[in-house]
Protein backbone atom coordinates (compact mmCIF):
# COMPACT_ATOMS: atom_id res chain seq x y z
CA MET A 1 -100.15 19.40 -35.43
CA GLY A 2 -99.44 16.86 -32.75
CA LEU A 3 -99.21 14.10 -35.36
CA PHE A 4 -96.48 15.81 -37.42
CA SER A 5 -94.54 16.76 -34.35
CA ILE A 6 -93.51 13.12 -34.11
CA PHE A 7 -91.47 13.47 -37.34
CA LYS A 8 -90.05 16.96 -36.50
CA LYS A 9 -86.21 17.19 -36.25
CA ASN A 10 -85.13 17.90 -32.68
CA ASP A 11 -81.98 20.09 -32.42
CA THR A 12 -81.62 19.72 -28.67
CA PRO A 13 -79.20 16.88 -27.81
CA ALA A 14 -80.16 14.34 -25.25
CA PRO A 15 -78.68 14.95 -21.82
CA LEU A 16 -75.45 13.01 -21.12
CA THR A 17 -75.26 10.35 -18.51
CA ASP A 18 -72.78 10.49 -15.63
CA ASP A 19 -70.56 7.84 -17.27
CA GLU A 20 -70.41 9.79 -20.52
CA LEU A 21 -69.52 13.00 -18.69
CA ALA A 22 -66.70 11.20 -16.84
CA ARG A 23 -65.30 9.82 -20.11
CA LEU A 24 -65.31 13.28 -21.70
CA ALA A 25 -63.55 14.79 -18.69
CA ALA A 26 -60.88 12.10 -18.77
CA ASN A 27 -60.32 12.63 -22.49
CA SER A 28 -60.01 16.39 -21.95
CA GLU A 29 -57.49 15.90 -19.16
CA ALA A 30 -55.47 13.46 -21.25
CA GLU A 31 -55.44 15.92 -24.14
CA ARG A 32 -54.24 18.69 -21.82
CA HIS A 33 -51.37 16.53 -20.54
CA SER A 34 -50.47 15.56 -24.08
CA GLN A 35 -50.38 19.20 -25.15
CA ALA A 36 -48.19 20.11 -22.18
CA ALA A 37 -45.83 17.27 -22.98
CA ARG A 38 -45.54 18.46 -26.59
CA GLN A 39 -44.71 21.97 -25.38
CA ARG A 40 -42.00 20.63 -23.07
CA GLU A 41 -40.48 18.63 -25.90
CA ILE A 42 -40.44 21.72 -28.13
CA ALA A 43 -38.80 23.79 -25.37
CA ARG A 44 -36.24 21.06 -24.71
CA ALA A 45 -35.38 20.73 -28.39
CA THR A 46 -35.03 24.50 -28.72
CA ALA A 47 -32.70 24.66 -25.70
CA MET A 48 -30.56 21.85 -27.08
CA LYS A 49 -30.32 23.57 -30.45
CA ILE A 50 -29.24 26.85 -28.81
CA ASP A 51 -26.62 25.02 -26.75
CA ALA A 52 -25.27 23.30 -29.85
CA ILE A 53 -24.93 26.62 -31.67
CA GLU A 54 -23.21 28.27 -28.70
CA SER A 55 -20.84 25.33 -28.30
CA ALA A 56 -19.90 25.38 -31.97
CA MET A 57 -19.16 29.11 -31.80
CA ALA A 58 -16.99 28.57 -28.71
CA PHE A 59 -14.88 25.71 -30.02
CA ASP A 60 -11.72 27.79 -30.48
CA ILE A 61 -11.78 29.64 -27.18
CA PHE A 62 -9.51 28.91 -24.20
CA ASN A 63 -7.40 25.94 -23.18
CA GLU A 64 -8.69 22.44 -22.64
CA PRO A 65 -11.22 22.17 -19.80
CA GLU A 66 -10.76 19.89 -16.87
CA PRO A 67 -11.30 16.23 -17.80
CA ALA A 68 -14.18 14.16 -16.53
CA TRP A 69 -13.76 11.90 -13.54
CA GLY A 70 -14.82 8.48 -14.68
CA SER A 71 -15.93 9.75 -18.08
CA PRO A 72 -14.17 9.13 -21.41
CA ARG A 73 -12.41 12.00 -23.14
CA GLN A 74 -13.34 13.15 -26.57
CA PRO A 75 -10.54 12.31 -29.03
CA ARG A 76 -8.20 15.20 -29.71
CA PRO A 77 -7.93 16.44 -33.30
CA ALA A 78 -4.78 15.64 -35.20
CA ARG A 79 -2.07 18.21 -34.63
CA ALA A 80 0.13 19.81 -37.23
CA ALA A 81 3.88 19.27 -37.30
CA ALA A 82 5.38 19.63 -33.85
CA VAL A 83 7.04 22.87 -32.90
CA ALA A 84 10.07 22.96 -30.64
CA GLY A 85 9.08 23.44 -27.01
CA ASP A 86 11.46 26.36 -26.51
CA ASP A 87 9.66 28.34 -29.21
CA ASP A 88 6.32 28.16 -27.41
CA ALA A 89 7.25 30.96 -25.06
CA ALA A 90 7.10 33.43 -27.95
CA ILE A 91 3.47 32.62 -28.72
CA PRO A 92 1.02 35.31 -27.52
CA THR A 93 -1.14 34.28 -24.59
CA THR A 94 -4.34 34.80 -26.56
CA LEU A 95 -3.22 32.14 -29.06
CA LEU A 96 -2.56 29.64 -26.31
CA LEU A 97 -6.12 29.61 -25.00
CA THR A 98 -7.67 27.01 -27.29
CA ASP A 99 -9.96 24.17 -26.28
CA ASP A 100 -9.98 20.56 -27.33
CA GLU A 101 -13.26 20.00 -25.52
CA LEU A 102 -16.40 22.04 -25.11
CA PRO A 103 -17.91 23.46 -21.92
CA GLN A 104 -20.76 21.54 -20.41
CA PRO A 105 -24.19 22.10 -21.96
CA ALA A 106 -27.03 23.88 -20.23
CA VAL A 107 -29.20 22.16 -17.66
CA ALA A 108 -32.11 20.23 -19.16
CA ALA A 109 -35.25 22.34 -19.52
CA GLU A 110 -37.38 20.22 -17.21
CA THR A 111 -34.92 20.49 -14.28
CA ALA A 112 -33.70 24.06 -14.79
CA PRO A 113 -36.20 25.76 -12.40
CA VAL A 114 -35.33 23.41 -9.53
CA VAL A 115 -31.59 23.74 -10.13
CA GLU A 116 -31.82 27.53 -10.24
CA GLU A 117 -33.85 27.71 -7.04
CA ILE A 118 -31.36 25.48 -5.24
CA ALA A 119 -28.43 27.56 -6.52
CA ILE A 120 -29.99 30.76 -5.14
CA LEU A 121 -30.75 29.16 -1.76
CA TYR A 122 -27.20 27.88 -1.44
CA ALA A 123 -25.73 31.23 -2.51
CA ASN A 124 -27.73 32.98 0.21
CA GLY A 125 -26.39 30.69 2.93
CA GLN A 126 -29.30 28.22 3.15
CA ALA A 127 -27.15 25.14 2.61
CA ASP A 128 -29.40 22.82 4.66
CA VAL A 129 -32.48 23.67 2.62
CA ALA A 130 -30.48 23.31 -0.60
CA ARG A 131 -29.23 19.91 0.55
CA GLN A 132 -32.76 18.67 1.30
CA MET A 133 -34.01 19.79 -2.11
CA LEU A 134 -31.03 18.21 -3.86
CA GLU A 135 -31.52 14.92 -2.03
CA ALA A 136 -35.18 14.94 -3.05
CA ALA A 137 -34.28 15.72 -6.67
CA VAL A 138 -31.69 12.93 -6.74
CA ALA A 139 -34.15 10.44 -5.22
CA ALA A 140 -36.75 11.39 -7.82
CA SER A 141 -34.32 10.92 -10.71
CA ALA A 142 -32.58 7.77 -9.44
CA GLY A 143 -34.70 5.50 -11.61
CA GLY A 144 -34.99 7.86 -14.54
CA GLN A 145 -33.62 7.30 -18.01
CA ASN A 146 -33.09 10.91 -19.10
CA GLY A 147 -29.42 11.02 -18.08
CA GLU A 148 -29.79 14.39 -16.34
CA ARG A 149 -27.12 14.60 -13.64
CA SER A 150 -27.02 18.27 -12.59
CA ALA A 151 -28.64 17.64 -9.20
CA TRP A 152 -26.25 14.76 -8.54
CA TRP A 153 -23.19 16.90 -9.32
CA MET A 154 -24.46 19.75 -7.16
CA LEU A 155 -25.07 17.35 -4.26
CA PHE A 156 -21.59 15.85 -4.64
CA ASP A 157 -20.11 19.34 -4.38
CA LEU A 158 -22.31 20.27 -1.42
CA TYR A 159 -21.21 17.17 0.49
CA GLN A 160 -17.55 17.90 -0.26
CA VAL A 161 -17.76 21.57 0.70
CA SER A 162 -19.47 20.69 4.00
CA GLY A 163 -17.15 17.75 4.74
CA GLN A 164 -19.85 15.05 4.69
CA GLN A 165 -17.72 12.17 3.41
CA ASP A 166 -20.07 9.36 4.55
CA ALA A 167 -22.99 10.92 2.69
CA PHE A 168 -20.70 11.45 -0.30
CA ASP A 169 -19.70 7.78 -0.32
CA ASN A 170 -23.34 6.65 -0.15
CA LEU A 171 -24.22 8.95 -3.02
CA SER A 172 -21.28 7.57 -5.01
CA ILE A 173 -22.73 4.06 -4.77
CA ASP A 174 -26.13 5.25 -6.01
CA TYR A 175 -24.48 7.29 -8.78
CA ALA A 176 -22.47 4.31 -10.04
CA SER A 177 -25.51 2.02 -10.10
CA THR A 178 -27.78 4.63 -11.72
CA PHE A 179 -25.47 5.85 -14.48
CA GLU A 180 -23.18 2.81 -14.77
CA THR A 181 -20.02 4.91 -14.57
CA SER A 182 -17.33 5.52 -11.99
CA PRO A 183 -18.26 7.99 -9.25
CA PRO A 184 -16.00 10.97 -8.53
CA PRO A 185 -13.31 10.59 -5.87
CA TRP A 186 -13.64 12.39 -2.56
CA THR A 187 -11.72 15.65 -2.31
CA ALA A 188 -12.02 18.25 0.40
CA PRO A 189 -11.68 21.77 -1.03
CA ALA A 190 -12.62 23.25 2.32
CA ALA A 191 -9.47 21.79 3.90
CA LEU A 192 -7.18 23.43 1.36
CA ALA A 193 -9.07 26.70 1.51
CA ALA A 194 -8.70 26.80 5.29
CA ALA A 195 -4.94 27.20 4.90
CA SER A 196 -5.36 30.82 3.70
CA PRO A 197 -9.09 31.56 3.82
CA ASP A 198 -8.98 35.25 2.95
CA TRP A 199 -6.37 35.16 0.22
CA ALA A 200 -7.19 35.89 -3.41
CA GLY A 201 -5.05 37.11 -6.25
CA LEU A 202 -2.59 36.23 -8.96
CA THR A 203 -1.37 32.63 -8.98
CA PRO A 204 2.09 32.51 -10.59
CA THR A 205 2.61 29.56 -12.88
CA VAL A 206 5.91 27.81 -13.59
CA ALA A 207 5.62 25.38 -16.52
CA PHE A 208 8.23 22.71 -17.24
CA SER A 209 8.50 21.09 -20.67
CA GLY A 210 10.65 18.78 -22.74
CA ALA A 211 13.60 16.85 -21.33
CA LEU A 212 14.53 18.22 -17.92
CA GLY A 213 18.17 18.48 -16.91
CA GLN A 214 20.49 21.04 -15.37
CA GLN A 215 18.86 23.74 -17.54
CA ILE A 216 15.88 23.92 -15.16
CA ALA A 217 18.04 25.48 -12.42
CA PRO A 218 17.06 29.09 -13.39
CA GLN A 219 13.37 28.11 -13.43
CA LEU A 220 13.65 26.60 -9.98
CA LEU A 221 15.45 29.68 -8.67
CA HIS A 222 12.62 31.82 -10.08
CA LEU A 223 10.12 29.52 -8.36
CA ARG A 224 11.82 30.04 -4.99
CA GLN A 225 11.74 33.80 -5.53
CA LEU A 226 8.03 33.66 -6.33
CA ALA A 227 7.44 31.70 -3.14
CA ASP A 228 8.78 34.63 -1.12
CA ASP A 229 5.89 36.87 -2.22
CA HIS A 230 3.02 34.54 -3.16
CA PRO A 231 1.16 32.13 -0.86
CA VAL A 232 -0.09 29.96 -3.75
CA LEU A 233 1.99 28.62 -6.64
CA ARG A 234 1.01 26.58 -9.69
CA LEU A 235 3.48 24.08 -11.18
CA GLU A 236 2.83 22.39 -14.52
CA PHE A 237 4.53 19.14 -15.56
CA SER A 238 2.12 17.97 -18.25
CA ARG A 239 4.60 18.61 -21.11
CA VAL A 240 7.64 16.94 -19.56
CA SER A 241 8.96 14.17 -21.82
CA ALA A 242 12.02 13.04 -19.82
CA ILE A 243 13.85 13.92 -16.61
CA ALA A 244 17.50 13.32 -15.75
CA ALA A 245 18.80 12.35 -12.33
CA ASP A 246 20.40 15.77 -11.72
CA ALA A 247 17.08 17.48 -12.53
CA CYS A 248 15.34 15.14 -10.07
CA ALA A 249 17.67 16.29 -7.30
CA LEU A 250 17.13 19.97 -8.12
CA LEU A 251 13.35 19.66 -8.32
CA LEU A 252 13.16 17.61 -5.11
CA ASP A 253 15.13 20.22 -3.15
CA THR A 254 12.92 23.02 -4.47
CA LEU A 255 9.66 21.24 -3.67
CA ARG A 256 10.81 20.61 -0.11
CA ALA A 257 11.98 24.21 0.32
CA VAL A 258 8.69 25.65 -0.92
CA GLN A 259 6.70 23.40 1.39
CA LYS A 260 8.82 24.51 4.36
CA GLN A 261 7.64 28.05 3.58
CA GLN A 262 4.05 26.84 4.09
CA ARG A 263 3.07 27.71 0.52
CA GLU A 264 0.07 26.12 -1.19
CA LEU A 265 0.97 24.15 -4.31
CA ILE A 266 -1.30 23.44 -7.26
CA LEU A 267 0.30 20.66 -9.29
CA VAL A 268 -0.68 20.01 -12.91
CA GLY A 269 0.46 16.73 -14.44
CA ALA A 270 1.97 15.34 -11.22
CA GLN A 271 0.51 11.91 -11.93
CA GLU A 272 2.08 11.83 -15.40
CA LEU A 273 5.47 12.91 -14.05
CA ALA A 274 5.30 10.18 -11.41
CA ALA A 275 4.51 7.61 -14.11
CA LEU A 276 7.46 8.86 -16.17
CA LEU A 277 9.79 8.43 -13.20
CA ARG A 278 8.42 5.00 -12.34
CA ALA A 279 9.00 3.76 -15.89
CA GLY A 280 12.74 4.39 -15.53
CA LEU A 281 13.17 2.68 -12.16
CA ALA A 282 13.50 -0.95 -11.17
CA ALA A 283 13.96 -2.52 -7.75
CA GLY A 284 17.61 -3.48 -7.18
CA ARG A 285 19.01 -1.15 -9.87
CA ARG A 286 21.08 1.81 -8.64
CA ASP A 287 22.17 3.24 -11.99
CA ASP A 288 20.62 6.71 -11.53
CA GLY A 289 21.18 7.07 -7.80
CA GLU A 290 18.63 7.91 -5.15
CA ALA A 291 17.29 11.22 -6.52
CA PRO A 292 14.71 9.77 -8.98
CA TRP A 293 13.40 7.42 -6.27
CA LEU A 294 13.11 10.20 -3.72
CA LEU A 295 11.38 12.53 -6.20
CA LEU A 296 8.90 9.77 -7.07
CA LEU A 297 8.17 9.24 -3.37
CA GLU A 298 7.72 12.99 -2.90
CA LEU A 299 5.24 13.19 -5.79
CA LEU A 300 3.25 10.21 -4.49
CA GLN A 301 3.12 11.82 -1.06
CA LEU A 302 1.98 15.16 -2.50
CA GLN A 303 -0.82 13.31 -4.33
CA ASN A 304 -1.80 11.54 -1.09
CA ARG A 305 -1.35 8.12 -2.73
CA GLU A 306 -0.34 6.32 0.44
CA LYS A 307 -0.60 2.73 -0.79
CA GLU A 308 1.61 3.36 -3.82
CA PHE A 309 4.00 5.33 -1.62
CA GLU A 310 4.42 2.36 0.73
CA GLN A 311 5.03 -0.05 -2.15
CA THR A 312 7.60 2.26 -3.76
CA ALA A 313 9.26 2.90 -0.39
CA MET A 314 9.82 -0.84 0.05
CA ASP A 315 11.43 -1.06 -3.41
CA TYR A 316 13.63 1.91 -2.53
CA CYS A 317 14.56 0.26 0.77
CA VAL A 318 15.56 -2.98 -0.97
CA THR A 319 17.51 -1.17 -3.70
CA PHE A 320 19.64 1.04 -1.46
CA GLU A 321 19.57 -1.06 1.73
CA VAL A 322 18.22 1.77 3.87
CA SER A 323 15.21 2.22 6.12
CA PRO A 324 12.04 3.08 4.17
CA PRO A 325 10.77 6.67 4.52
CA SER A 326 7.47 7.20 6.31
CA PHE A 327 4.37 8.63 4.68
CA SER A 328 3.13 12.07 5.70
CA ALA A 329 -0.18 13.35 4.34
CA PRO A 330 0.06 16.65 2.43
CA HIS A 331 -1.52 19.74 3.96
CA LYS A 332 -1.35 22.52 1.36
CA VAL A 333 -1.38 20.73 -1.96
CA ALA A 334 -4.03 20.46 -4.67
CA MET A 335 -3.98 18.49 -7.89
CA ALA A 336 -5.19 19.97 -11.16
CA PRO A 337 -5.92 17.94 -14.29
CA THR A 338 -3.46 17.76 -17.14
CA GLN A 339 -4.06 20.34 -19.84
CA HIS A 340 -2.68 19.93 -23.35
CA LEU A 341 -1.60 23.45 -24.16
CA SER A 342 1.61 25.18 -25.10
CA ALA A 343 1.80 27.33 -21.99
CA SER A 344 -0.49 28.62 -19.27
CA PRO A 345 -1.15 32.23 -18.37
CA ASP A 346 -0.98 33.24 -14.76
CA ARG A 347 -4.41 32.77 -13.22
CA PHE A 348 -6.26 34.91 -10.73
CA MET A 349 -7.39 32.71 -7.87
CA LEU A 350 -10.70 33.59 -6.26
CA PRO A 351 -11.13 33.18 -2.47
CA PRO A 352 -13.12 30.33 -0.86
CA VAL A 353 -16.14 32.51 -0.02
CA ILE A 354 -17.30 35.81 -1.54
CA GLU A 355 -20.13 37.45 0.38
CA HIS A 356 -21.56 40.82 1.48
CA HIS A 357 -19.34 42.87 -0.87
CA LEU A 358 -16.35 42.44 -3.17
CA GLY A 359 -14.15 44.64 -0.97
CA ALA A 360 -10.43 44.29 -1.73
CA LEU A 361 -11.20 41.73 -4.41
CA LEU A 362 -12.36 44.43 -6.84
CA PRO A 363 -9.10 46.44 -7.06
CA ALA A 364 -7.10 43.19 -7.17
CA ILE A 365 -9.08 42.03 -10.22
CA GLN A 366 -8.61 45.42 -11.87
CA ARG A 367 -4.83 45.26 -11.34
CA TYR A 368 -4.82 41.77 -12.81
CA ALA A 369 -6.75 43.00 -15.85
CA GLU A 370 -4.19 45.75 -16.41
CA GLN A 371 -1.39 43.18 -16.70
CA TYR A 372 -2.98 40.50 -18.88
CA GLU A 373 -4.90 40.54 -22.12
CA ALA A 374 -6.73 37.26 -21.46
CA LEU A 375 -8.26 36.82 -18.00
CA VAL A 376 -8.39 33.35 -16.44
CA PHE A 377 -10.02 33.05 -13.00
CA ASP A 378 -9.16 29.98 -10.96
CA CYS A 379 -12.30 28.96 -9.05
CA SER A 380 -10.93 25.73 -7.58
CA ARG A 381 -11.05 27.16 -4.02
CA LEU A 382 -14.34 29.04 -4.48
CA THR A 383 -17.01 27.19 -2.51
CA ARG A 384 -19.72 29.90 -2.46
CA ILE A 385 -20.52 33.37 -3.76
CA ASP A 386 -23.66 35.10 -2.53
CA TYR A 387 -26.29 36.46 -4.89
CA GLY A 388 -25.42 40.14 -4.39
CA CYS A 389 -21.68 39.64 -4.94
CA ALA A 390 -22.37 37.51 -8.01
CA ILE A 391 -24.29 40.43 -9.52
CA GLN A 392 -21.46 42.85 -8.62
CA LEU A 393 -18.83 40.54 -10.11
CA HIS A 394 -20.90 40.21 -13.28
CA ALA A 395 -20.87 44.00 -13.67
CA VAL A 396 -17.09 44.07 -13.21
CA LEU A 397 -16.46 41.31 -15.74
CA GLN A 398 -18.88 42.92 -18.18
CA THR A 399 -16.69 46.03 -18.14
CA LEU A 400 -13.45 44.06 -18.45
CA ALA A 401 -14.72 41.74 -21.18
CA GLY A 402 -15.07 44.57 -23.70
CA ALA A 403 -12.92 45.01 -26.79
CA ASP A 404 -12.90 41.28 -27.60
CA ARG A 405 -11.02 40.38 -24.41
CA LYS A 406 -11.39 36.71 -23.51
CA VAL A 407 -12.48 35.79 -19.98
CA ALA A 408 -12.68 32.31 -18.47
CA LEU A 409 -13.86 30.94 -15.12
CA ARG A 410 -12.09 27.63 -14.45
CA ASP A 411 -12.89 24.69 -12.19
CA LEU A 412 -16.20 25.96 -10.84
CA ASN A 413 -18.15 23.77 -8.48
CA HIS A 414 -21.62 22.98 -9.81
CA LEU A 415 -23.49 24.98 -7.18
CA VAL A 416 -21.65 28.17 -8.12
CA HIS A 417 -21.83 27.34 -11.82
CA ALA A 418 -25.62 27.04 -11.70
CA LEU A 419 -25.91 30.49 -10.08
CA LEU A 420 -23.55 32.17 -12.55
CA ARG A 421 -25.33 30.61 -15.52
CA LEU A 422 -28.64 31.92 -14.15
CA LEU A 423 -27.18 35.45 -13.90
CA GLY A 424 -25.98 35.44 -17.50
CA TYR A 425 -22.23 34.95 -17.04
CA ALA A 426 -22.15 32.73 -20.12
CA ASN A 427 -22.76 35.81 -22.26
CA LEU A 428 -19.44 37.40 -21.26
CA ALA A 429 -17.14 34.56 -20.17
CA ARG A 430 -16.51 30.89 -20.81
CA MET A 431 -17.37 28.83 -17.72
CA TYR A 432 -15.79 25.44 -17.06
CA PRO A 433 -17.20 23.52 -14.09
CA HIS A 434 -15.18 20.54 -13.01
CA LYS A 435 -16.55 17.40 -14.62
CA TYR A 436 -17.84 14.28 -12.95
């Protein structure tokens, strides 16, 4: 028996050495990481596909979103035969809310949990903790190649809201070197919001179009009447094609009168109007009088473009042989990007901070909804909304968004946008954060 046991098949494997056990463990760990990576790729691809479908469905909703700072625009589709500007007023508001660009896509799957946690912390008043987490997220992604910029945009907004311009400038340098694109310019929304911190409500809009002459006198009279009852006014110049000297004088007087009333001005297309004026002026030529020069100087001052103001003031001084006007920084003026649309509905401006409860904001929104079919909320002054109020506002908008009513939230900062996306606002409204 002992002899044949030599040739007997042994089913028990030989014990593994320590080196072999280590190799097997390493292979198992590598396989686990590989499997996890495949799952992340599948989740990311699924999220991108969903975003693409949602974006395609939303292509024909609302007016053009705010353009990117330092980013190229998508080309606009060819337009049909032009329609006379005076006929645009007869077009229903719902037909005017069309987009040439799409809202920003969702946050990448691998960074979504961090972004959402930071958004909740910031909403609940823990700005310092949110800042530390954002700075860590930015530092971790500085050398990455995935192009994900959500944390950068949120940190830019946090620095601006809290007035940290030095930190903003340092981040701008890192942003430019990392993504090889121009960083956003410094703006201080908190400074403008401080002018009327508790105000929220309808923002009347006066839109100018075509060739401006004496015919704008009734519009300007209406603007002065609006200024008597509204602390914030929105003026749109993006569709102006020409402006006569007499119109320059009328508009200049009205702008100065409204500013004397301490009203906040939101100017759309001011840069384009200034360029239009500059193209018709030349140092030493007095053909059109002083009004176009003075209006150009006023627009440059409202845009806080001090260097260009000083250069233009010297040309004005040489042309009319007078002392150059001095520059005075604007106090209650905000610039809004040009929007290529036929007309703009009056927007409901949200206050700088919404916390604890909606309070008087709720009935004001309901009154606004009773007057307008399409609801456009201006969030340019909104720096923070706490978690509880965001849930309450969602319930209000969910009620108002019924019966195919279109709702849009415009010019959101990225901290607020991340919170609202987390709470499902995208299912009932189009959200347009400002672009960097």
